[in-house]
Each structure stands twice: as structure tokens, then as C-alpha cells.
Amino acid sequence: MSALLLSLPELFENYKAWVSKNPLVASDFETSAKWISYFIAGRINNSSILSELVYCLSNLLVLFNDRIISNTRKLNIPQSGDQLKVYLTVIEYSEVFFELSIKKLWGEQGRWILVTCIQVFKCLGRLLLLYKHQEPIIQNPPVPTLQRQRVAAVDLSQNSDDVILMNDPHHNAVSFTLQRSGRVIRKISVSPPNMLRDWKPLTAPTTNSIDNGMKIANGNCVDDINIITKSVLIAETLYIIKPIVHLGCMRLFGTKTWKPWMISLIMDLASSQIYHNHRRKHLLLPSQRMELSRRTAVLLLYLIRSPFYEAHTKERINRFLKGCGNKIPFAGMICNPIAQYLPVWQNTYFYMWST
């Protein structure tokens, strides 16, 4: 037993080295774990809890491996509030599992106590990021997943060509240059998502452009990218306190009434409208634009949240799934299980306070 304990640090170091060298293979294992959680759902007793446990652990494994890759390869520059973001991300991945477990053990009263505690913690944490750490648009989850395809792409470039780093002390956060071809390659940590890239080749950066890149990587962006105006504070504060307001309204008016649903929708629309006006006046980072687009898309979830779901959406979705299952060959193998499990999903995931 003592020999095993002594070897654990060595095993952990070997694991970190393997994950850092094989990010895509590690990603395949993580994806397989998530698919297992989907397969378990609805097929065995207590499947919801077990499925959420597997899904929660798979997300935490992704977060853990991303941190290993980022720290080993020095992809991220440390910023204020990073530790708080990690705590909020862990809660984001784990909250549904904890809620289902507490409901199983202590019933509805225990469930609502836990939900309130989690949402208060998330609200306070996000307000700290906004007001203390000057994080203007907080992503969900606060620690985004690493784009490992870019890590692999850089590995291929380095294997095919010798890499000589520029002799400027700031270049390491922005780009590097291939020795033989002289091509300038952008660092993974500052590359925008594929759909937002202009695909124009980089040129050798000047001192000013390097300094600006460092400011962007550190969150101290130029050209109004991260300037927190009064309108941004109002919009983000509305978005952050919405879950607490919704829970309070549910306590006052009931869980199935229209008032909490309407108040939450109004707060979401007001926040989105303020940000829409802000986007036309200020330059935003690609990650911030993606987050605002995600929040706009999430508004569609109001169609499958109570009480709108019971009043309007439920019957239409059931008719659609039943029609597809009866008329399209083999579609019943997919549509029928979805129709049977949809009430469980709606009751488990589609809350007003969930982002």
C-alpha cells in the first residue's frame, strides 16, 4: 500500500505529460464519457442521478485536463479572478447533480434550500467578477473549454518546421515565427473562433501591436474592448441578479404562475437590448460577442419553460414527435424515447434561473 501511495505523484506527473502531449486523444475519452451519460438516461433505476453524475464528472475532467494543457504549455496569462472563475465553473457543472441528489434524500424542501444557496453563491461570485475584477461580460461557464484542435494544429506546425521565437519579450502571448518559411503564426490563446476569423495572414508584429495584444490577453483591452461603461454595468447586473429575482418571485407568486416567467423574460430582454446598443458603439472581443449571441439564443428556452410549456408548447412538441415517428422510417427509434423522456428533461433542466 505504501509503495502505491509513493507512486501516485509519479503517476499523476505521467498523466499530466500524456494529456499535454495528446490533447485530442484525451478529448475523445471525455466525449465518450458524455455519450455514456446520454445512453444511461431513462434506461435504469435512478438513471437521472447516475446520468448527471457521469455528465458532471466528464465536464470536470474536461476542465481539469484543460487546466493541465494550459499550464503545461503556458497558453494563458494569469488574471485576477481566475480562481473564482474555476469555483463558479465547478458549481455550474455540478449543480444539477447536487440538486437531484438532495431532492432524492430530503425532498422538495431540501431541493429548494440547495437551489437558493447555489444561486446566491453564483450571483455573489459573478458580481465580484464584474465590480471587483472588472470582467465586463462573464462567459457561461466562466472558464471556457480549451480549443484543443488549435493546440494540435500548432503541434503539427512545430513538427514540420523549426520554430524560432521573436526576440521581443512580449511576443510570447501573441505569435511565433517559423524559421524556414518566415510565416507568422498566431498563438492559440488569442485566436478567435473559426466563424469569427477573417483568415488573413499575420504579419510580423510591431511593438505597438504586441503591446495591444498583451493588453487583450490580459483583459486590459484597447479601443474600448473592455471598458466597463454604466450601460454595461446595468446590463450585466440585470443578467446576474435575474436568477435571484426569479426565485423570489416564485416564492411570492408560486412555481407555476406567469409572473415569475414574465419578470425573468423582461429582465433578459432589457439586458439584451442594452448590450445590443452597446455593441454598435464599442468594439467587443470575439469571446464576448459569442457570449452575447449565446444569451440571445437561450431566449428560445422560454418556449419550453413553465408555465408556457404546459400551456402552449407541450402538445405541439408531442404531436410533432409522434408525427415524425409514424411517418418517417426508423425515426420512431429516436422520437419515441425523446417524447417519453421530455417531461423529465423539462422538469430537471429548463428552469428560469439556469443559464
Protein backbone atom coordinates (compact mmCIF):
# COMPACT_ATOMS: atom_id res chain seq x y z
CA MET A 1 0.00 0.00 0.00
CA SER A 2 2.82 2.40 0.88
CA ALA A 3 4.52 1.64 -2.44
CA LEU A 4 1.30 2.53 -4.25
CA LEU A 5 1.00 5.82 -2.36
CA LEU A 6 4.60 6.67 -3.18
CA SER A 7 3.94 6.05 -6.87
CA LEU A 8 0.82 8.23 -7.02
CA PRO A 9 2.73 11.51 -7.57
CA GLU A 10 4.72 9.86 -10.34
CA LEU A 11 1.54 8.50 -11.93
CA PHE A 12 -0.01 11.96 -11.77
CA GLU A 13 3.04 13.53 -13.42
CA ASN A 14 2.91 10.89 -16.15
CA TYR A 15 -0.79 11.58 -16.64
CA LYS A 16 -0.18 15.33 -16.98
CA ALA A 17 2.57 14.70 -19.52
CA TRP A 18 0.31 12.36 -21.52
CA VAL A 19 -2.64 14.78 -21.55
CA SER A 20 -0.40 17.66 -22.60
CA LYS A 21 1.10 15.67 -25.47
CA ASN A 22 -2.19 14.06 -26.59
CA PRO A 23 -4.95 16.69 -26.20
CA LEU A 24 -7.17 15.26 -28.95
CA VAL A 25 -6.98 11.69 -27.62
CA ALA A 26 -7.92 12.94 -24.16
CA SER A 27 -10.83 14.82 -25.76
CA ASP A 28 -12.07 11.57 -27.35
CA PHE A 29 -12.19 9.87 -23.94
CA GLU A 30 -14.07 12.83 -22.45
CA THR A 31 -16.62 12.80 -25.29
CA SER A 32 -17.17 9.05 -24.82
CA ALA A 33 -17.96 9.64 -21.14
CA LYS A 34 -20.57 12.25 -22.08
CA TRP A 35 -22.22 9.89 -24.55
CA ILE A 36 -22.41 7.26 -21.80
CA SER A 37 -24.43 9.73 -19.71
CA TYR A 38 -26.90 10.17 -22.60
CA PHE A 39 -27.21 6.41 -23.02
CA ILE A 40 -27.89 5.82 -19.31
CA ALA A 41 -30.72 8.37 -19.12
CA GLY A 42 -34.11 6.66 -18.75
CA ARG A 43 -32.80 3.11 -19.02
CA ILE A 44 -32.10 2.09 -15.41
CA ASN A 45 -33.38 2.97 -11.94
CA ASN A 46 -32.28 6.38 -10.66
CA SER A 47 -30.95 6.97 -14.17
CA SER A 48 -31.31 10.75 -13.88
CA ILE A 49 -28.96 10.96 -10.91
CA LEU A 50 -26.47 8.49 -12.38
CA SER A 51 -26.59 10.16 -15.78
CA GLU A 52 -25.98 13.58 -14.22
CA LEU A 53 -23.11 12.17 -12.16
CA VAL A 54 -21.39 10.81 -15.27
CA TYR A 55 -22.04 14.04 -17.18
CA CYS A 56 -20.81 16.16 -14.27
CA LEU A 57 -17.61 14.10 -13.88
CA SER A 58 -16.95 14.24 -17.63
CA ASN A 59 -17.23 18.06 -17.61
CA LEU A 60 -14.99 18.32 -14.56
CA LEU A 61 -12.48 16.05 -16.30
CA VAL A 62 -12.53 18.37 -19.33
CA LEU A 63 -11.90 21.35 -17.04
CA PHE A 64 -9.09 19.51 -15.23
CA ASN A 65 -7.39 18.42 -18.45
CA ASP A 66 -7.76 21.88 -19.99
CA ARG A 67 -6.01 23.35 -16.97
CA ILE A 68 -3.20 20.80 -17.34
CA ILE A 69 -2.73 21.63 -21.03
CA SER A 70 -2.90 25.40 -20.45
CA ASN A 71 -0.46 25.36 -17.52
CA THR A 72 1.98 22.96 -19.19
CA ARG A 73 2.05 24.90 -22.45
CA LYS A 74 1.68 28.33 -20.78
CA LEU A 75 -1.26 29.23 -23.02
CA ASN A 76 -2.97 31.60 -20.60
CA ILE A 77 -1.72 34.66 -18.77
CA PRO A 78 -2.81 34.67 -15.08
CA GLN A 79 -5.55 37.20 -14.42
CA SER A 80 -7.31 38.47 -11.34
CA GLY A 81 -10.39 36.42 -10.51
CA ASP A 82 -9.18 33.22 -12.20
CA GLN A 83 -9.66 31.13 -9.04
CA LEU A 84 -13.18 32.46 -8.56
CA LYS A 85 -13.97 31.57 -12.17
CA VAL A 86 -12.84 28.00 -11.52
CA TYR A 87 -15.13 27.74 -8.47
CA LEU A 88 -18.08 29.10 -10.44
CA THR A 89 -17.39 26.69 -13.31
CA VAL A 90 -17.27 23.70 -10.96
CA ILE A 91 -20.62 24.76 -9.47
CA GLU A 92 -22.04 25.24 -12.97
CA TYR A 93 -21.10 21.68 -13.93
CA SER A 94 -22.23 20.10 -10.63
CA GLU A 95 -25.39 21.93 -9.60
CA VAL A 96 -27.93 19.69 -11.36
CA PHE A 97 -26.38 16.53 -9.90
CA PHE A 98 -26.41 18.00 -6.39
CA GLU A 99 -29.98 19.20 -6.83
CA LEU A 100 -31.25 15.78 -7.94
CA SER A 101 -29.35 14.05 -5.15
CA ILE A 102 -30.68 16.38 -2.45
CA LYS A 103 -34.21 16.03 -3.81
CA LYS A 104 -33.88 12.24 -3.56
CA LEU A 105 -32.60 12.43 0.04
CA TRP A 106 -34.51 15.37 1.56
CA GLY A 107 -37.42 16.03 -0.79
CA GLU A 108 -38.62 19.30 -2.32
CA GLN A 109 -37.81 21.45 0.71
CA GLY A 110 -34.17 20.35 0.73
CA ARG A 111 -34.02 20.86 -3.02
CA TRP A 112 -35.18 24.48 -2.83
CA ILE A 113 -32.78 25.27 0.01
CA LEU A 114 -29.88 23.94 -2.09
CA VAL A 115 -31.05 25.77 -5.22
CA THR A 116 -31.22 29.05 -3.29
CA CYS A 117 -27.74 28.57 -1.78
CA ILE A 118 -26.20 27.74 -5.17
CA GLN A 119 -27.81 30.69 -6.94
CA VAL A 120 -26.82 33.12 -4.17
CA PHE A 121 -23.21 31.90 -4.40
CA LYS A 122 -23.21 32.21 -8.21
CA CYS A 123 -24.77 35.66 -8.06
CA LEU A 124 -22.26 36.96 -5.50
CA GLY A 125 -19.34 35.41 -7.40
CA ARG A 126 -20.38 36.96 -10.70
CA LEU A 127 -20.94 40.35 -9.07
CA LEU A 128 -17.40 40.14 -7.65
CA LEU A 129 -16.06 39.39 -11.13
CA LEU A 130 -18.00 42.35 -12.52
CA TYR A 131 -17.32 45.03 -9.91
CA LYS A 132 -14.03 43.97 -8.31
CA HIS A 133 -12.19 42.16 -11.12
CA GLN A 134 -13.63 44.30 -13.94
CA GLU A 135 -14.94 41.39 -16.03
CA PRO A 136 -17.49 43.13 -18.29
CA ILE A 137 -19.27 40.18 -19.95
CA ILE A 138 -18.97 36.98 -17.92
CA GLN A 139 -19.00 33.84 -20.01
CA ASN A 140 -21.00 30.73 -19.21
CA PRO A 141 -19.23 28.72 -17.94
CA PRO A 142 -16.79 31.37 -16.64
CA VAL A 143 -13.85 29.14 -17.66
CA PRO A 144 -14.48 28.26 -21.33
CA THR A 145 -13.32 24.96 -22.76
CA LEU A 146 -9.95 24.96 -24.49
CA GLN A 147 -9.91 24.75 -28.30
CA ARG A 148 -7.72 21.67 -28.48
CA GLN A 149 -7.81 21.48 -32.27
CA ARG A 150 -5.73 24.64 -32.29
CA VAL A 151 -3.27 23.07 -29.86
CA ALA A 152 -2.90 20.10 -32.20
CA ALA A 153 -2.55 22.41 -35.21
CA VAL A 154 0.32 24.24 -33.56
CA ASP A 155 1.97 20.91 -32.72
CA LEU A 156 1.81 19.94 -36.40
CA SER A 157 3.35 23.27 -37.42
CA GLN A 158 6.16 22.89 -34.92
CA ASN A 159 6.86 19.32 -36.04
CA SER A 160 7.02 20.29 -39.70
CA ASP A 161 9.16 23.39 -39.27
CA ASP A 162 11.67 24.62 -36.73
CA VAL A 163 10.31 27.42 -34.60
CA ILE A 164 12.33 30.47 -33.63
CA LEU A 165 10.61 32.77 -31.18
CA MET A 166 10.84 36.51 -31.76
CA ASN A 167 13.37 38.41 -29.69
CA ASP A 168 10.76 40.70 -28.21
CA PRO A 169 9.84 40.00 -24.56
CA HIS A 170 6.11 40.42 -25.30
CA HIS A 171 5.69 38.24 -28.37
CA ASN A 172 5.14 35.00 -26.44
CA ALA A 173 1.49 35.92 -25.74
CA VAL A 174 0.71 36.82 -29.36
CA SER A 175 2.59 34.87 -32.05
CA PHE A 176 5.70 32.99 -33.14
CA THR A 177 7.61 32.73 -36.43
CA LEU A 178 8.62 29.63 -38.39
CA GLN A 179 12.35 29.59 -39.16
CA ARG A 180 12.42 28.36 -42.75
CA SER A 181 9.27 29.89 -44.17
CA GLY A 182 9.23 33.03 -42.02
CA ARG A 183 5.47 32.63 -41.56
CA VAL A 184 3.95 34.33 -38.50
CA ILE A 185 1.60 32.05 -36.51
CA ARG A 186 -0.91 33.42 -34.01
CA LYS A 187 -0.81 31.89 -30.52
CA ILE A 188 -3.75 29.68 -29.57
CA SER A 189 -4.68 31.74 -26.54
CA VAL A 190 -5.51 34.83 -28.63
CA SER A 191 -7.00 33.15 -31.72
CA PRO A 192 -10.72 33.92 -32.29
CA PRO A 193 -13.26 31.14 -33.07
CA ASN A 194 -13.33 29.85 -36.65
CA MET A 195 -16.61 31.53 -37.51
CA LEU A 196 -15.27 34.95 -36.45
CA ARG A 197 -11.85 34.78 -38.13
CA ASP A 198 -11.04 36.80 -41.23
CA TRP A 199 -8.40 34.21 -42.30
CA LYS A 200 -5.97 36.93 -43.29
CA PRO A 201 -2.28 36.04 -42.74
CA LEU A 202 -0.48 37.70 -39.87
CA THR A 203 2.47 39.99 -40.39
CA ALA A 204 5.42 40.45 -38.11
CA PRO A 205 4.07 42.48 -35.19
CA THR A 206 5.37 45.90 -34.29
CA THR A 207 5.98 47.00 -30.74
CA ASN A 208 2.61 48.74 -30.58
CA SER A 209 0.68 45.76 -31.92
CA ILE A 210 2.46 43.44 -29.50
CA ASP A 211 1.60 45.69 -26.57
CA ASN A 212 -2.02 45.81 -27.69
CA GLY A 213 -2.08 42.01 -27.98
CA MET A 214 -0.75 41.73 -24.44
CA LYS A 215 -3.48 44.06 -23.21
CA ILE A 216 -6.14 41.97 -24.93
CA ALA A 217 -4.74 38.73 -23.50
CA ASN A 218 -4.66 40.27 -20.03
CA GLY A 219 -8.19 41.65 -20.25
CA ASN A 220 -6.95 45.28 -20.35
CA CYS A 221 -8.10 45.73 -23.90
CA VAL A 222 -7.69 48.81 -26.02
CA ASP A 223 -10.14 50.61 -28.30
CA ASP A 224 -12.99 50.30 -25.76
CA ILE A 225 -12.97 46.48 -25.88
CA ASN A 226 -13.16 46.06 -22.13
CA ILE A 227 -14.19 49.49 -20.95
CA ILE A 228 -16.97 48.94 -18.41
CA THR A 229 -19.46 51.70 -19.05
CA LYS A 230 -22.53 52.44 -16.97
CA SER A 231 -24.72 50.69 -19.55
CA VAL A 232 -22.61 47.52 -19.36
CA LEU A 233 -22.82 47.54 -15.56
CA ILE A 234 -26.60 47.84 -15.72
CA ALA A 235 -26.99 45.14 -18.39
CA GLU A 236 -24.68 42.62 -16.70
CA THR A 237 -26.12 43.29 -13.25
CA LEU A 238 -29.62 42.65 -14.58
CA TYR A 239 -28.44 39.38 -16.09
CA ILE A 240 -26.62 38.30 -12.91
CA ILE A 241 -29.40 39.04 -10.41
CA LYS A 242 -32.16 37.59 -12.62
CA PRO A 243 -31.98 34.08 -11.04
CA ILE A 244 -32.35 35.51 -7.52
CA VAL A 245 -35.23 37.75 -8.59
CA HIS A 246 -36.92 34.80 -10.27
CA LEU A 247 -36.58 32.59 -7.20
CA GLY A 248 -38.04 35.37 -5.05
CA CYS A 249 -40.97 35.76 -7.44
CA MET A 250 -41.60 32.03 -7.37
CA ARG A 251 -41.66 32.18 -3.59
CA LEU A 252 -44.19 35.03 -3.66
CA PHE A 253 -46.44 34.04 -6.57
CA GLY A 254 -45.92 30.25 -6.93
CA THR A 255 -43.80 27.99 -9.13
CA LYS A 256 -46.29 27.59 -12.00
CA THR A 257 -47.60 31.16 -12.34
CA TRP A 258 -46.93 33.61 -15.17
CA LYS A 259 -45.49 36.47 -13.09
CA PRO A 260 -42.01 34.93 -12.46
CA TRP A 261 -41.84 33.87 -16.14
CA MET A 262 -42.73 37.36 -17.36
CA ILE A 263 -40.40 39.19 -14.96
CA SER A 264 -37.46 36.98 -15.97
CA LEU A 265 -38.20 37.46 -19.67
CA ILE A 266 -38.40 41.24 -19.24
CA MET A 267 -35.03 41.30 -17.42
CA ASP A 268 -33.41 39.15 -20.11
CA LEU A 269 -34.81 41.29 -22.93
CA ALA A 270 -33.76 44.51 -21.19
CA SER A 271 -30.21 43.22 -20.68
CA SER A 272 -30.00 42.03 -24.32
CA GLN A 273 -31.29 45.37 -25.64
CA ILE A 274 -28.75 47.37 -23.63
CA TYR A 275 -25.95 45.15 -24.91
CA HIS A 276 -27.26 45.45 -28.47
CA ASN A 277 -27.00 49.23 -28.24
CA HIS A 278 -23.53 48.91 -26.66
CA ARG A 279 -22.25 46.63 -29.45
CA ARG A 280 -22.87 49.32 -32.05
CA LYS A 281 -20.74 51.85 -30.16
CA HIS A 282 -17.86 49.75 -28.82
CA LEU A 283 -15.52 47.07 -30.08
CA LEU A 284 -16.01 43.68 -28.35
CA LEU A 285 -13.76 40.67 -28.11
CA PRO A 286 -14.84 37.62 -30.15
CA SER A 287 -15.50 35.67 -26.94
CA GLN A 288 -17.75 38.47 -25.70
CA ARG A 289 -19.69 38.55 -28.97
CA MET A 290 -20.11 34.78 -28.77
CA GLU A 291 -21.43 35.04 -25.22
CA LEU A 292 -23.96 37.72 -26.18
CA SER A 293 -25.08 35.61 -29.15
CA ARG A 294 -25.47 32.61 -26.84
CA ARG A 295 -27.61 34.64 -24.45
CA THR A 296 -29.83 35.72 -27.33
CA ALA A 297 -30.25 32.11 -28.48
CA VAL A 298 -31.04 30.97 -24.92
CA LEU A 299 -34.14 33.19 -25.00
CA LEU A 300 -35.75 30.43 -27.07
CA LEU A 301 -35.75 28.26 -23.94
CA TYR A 302 -38.60 30.38 -22.62
CA LEU A 303 -40.81 28.40 -25.03
CA ILE A 304 -40.16 25.20 -23.05
CA ARG A 305 -40.19 26.65 -19.56
CA SER A 306 -43.16 26.56 -17.23
CA PRO A 307 -45.89 27.74 -17.47
CA PHE A 308 -45.53 28.49 -21.21
CA TYR A 309 -44.54 24.84 -21.83
CA GLU A 310 -47.70 23.40 -20.25
CA ALA A 311 -49.98 26.00 -21.86
CA HIS A 312 -48.67 26.09 -25.44
CA THR A 313 -45.56 24.08 -26.28
CA LYS A 314 -46.12 20.63 -24.78
CA GLU A 315 -48.88 19.43 -27.09
CA ARG A 316 -47.22 20.83 -30.22
CA ILE A 317 -43.91 19.12 -29.47
CA ASN A 318 -45.65 15.81 -28.72
CA ARG A 319 -47.64 15.99 -31.96
CA PHE A 320 -44.50 16.77 -33.93
CA LEU A 321 -42.51 13.89 -32.40
CA LYS A 322 -45.41 11.47 -32.83
CA GLY A 323 -45.91 12.51 -36.47
CA CYS A 324 -42.21 12.11 -37.27
CA GLY A 325 -42.08 8.73 -35.56
CA ASN A 326 -45.09 7.41 -37.51
CA LYS A 327 -44.29 8.82 -40.97
CA ILE A 328 -40.50 8.71 -41.25
CA PRO A 329 -38.84 5.27 -41.37
CA PHE A 330 -36.73 4.46 -38.29
CA ALA A 331 -37.45 7.92 -36.82
CA GLY A 332 -39.54 6.29 -34.11
CA MET A 333 -36.37 4.85 -32.58
CA ILE A 334 -35.33 8.44 -31.77
CA CYS A 335 -38.61 10.36 -31.47
CA ASN A 336 -40.44 7.96 -29.15
CA PRO A 337 -37.76 7.91 -26.40
CA ILE A 338 -37.47 11.72 -26.66
CA ALA A 339 -41.25 12.09 -26.25
CA GLN A 340 -41.23 9.78 -23.20
CA TYR A 341 -38.27 11.46 -21.51
CA LEU A 342 -39.09 15.08 -22.45
CA PRO A 343 -41.20 15.74 -19.29
CA VAL A 344 -38.26 14.62 -17.14
CA TRP A 345 -35.86 16.91 -19.05
CA GLN A 346 -38.28 19.81 -18.82
CA ASN A 347 -38.73 19.34 -15.08
CA THR A 348 -34.99 18.88 -14.48
CA TYR A 349 -33.18 21.37 -16.71
CA PHE A 350 -35.42 24.16 -18.01
CA TYR A 351 -35.51 26.50 -15.05
CA MET A 352 -35.69 30.24 -15.23
CA TRP A 353 -32.59 30.58 -13.04
CA SER A 354 -30.47 28.25 -15.14
CA THR A 355 -28.20 29.96 -17.67
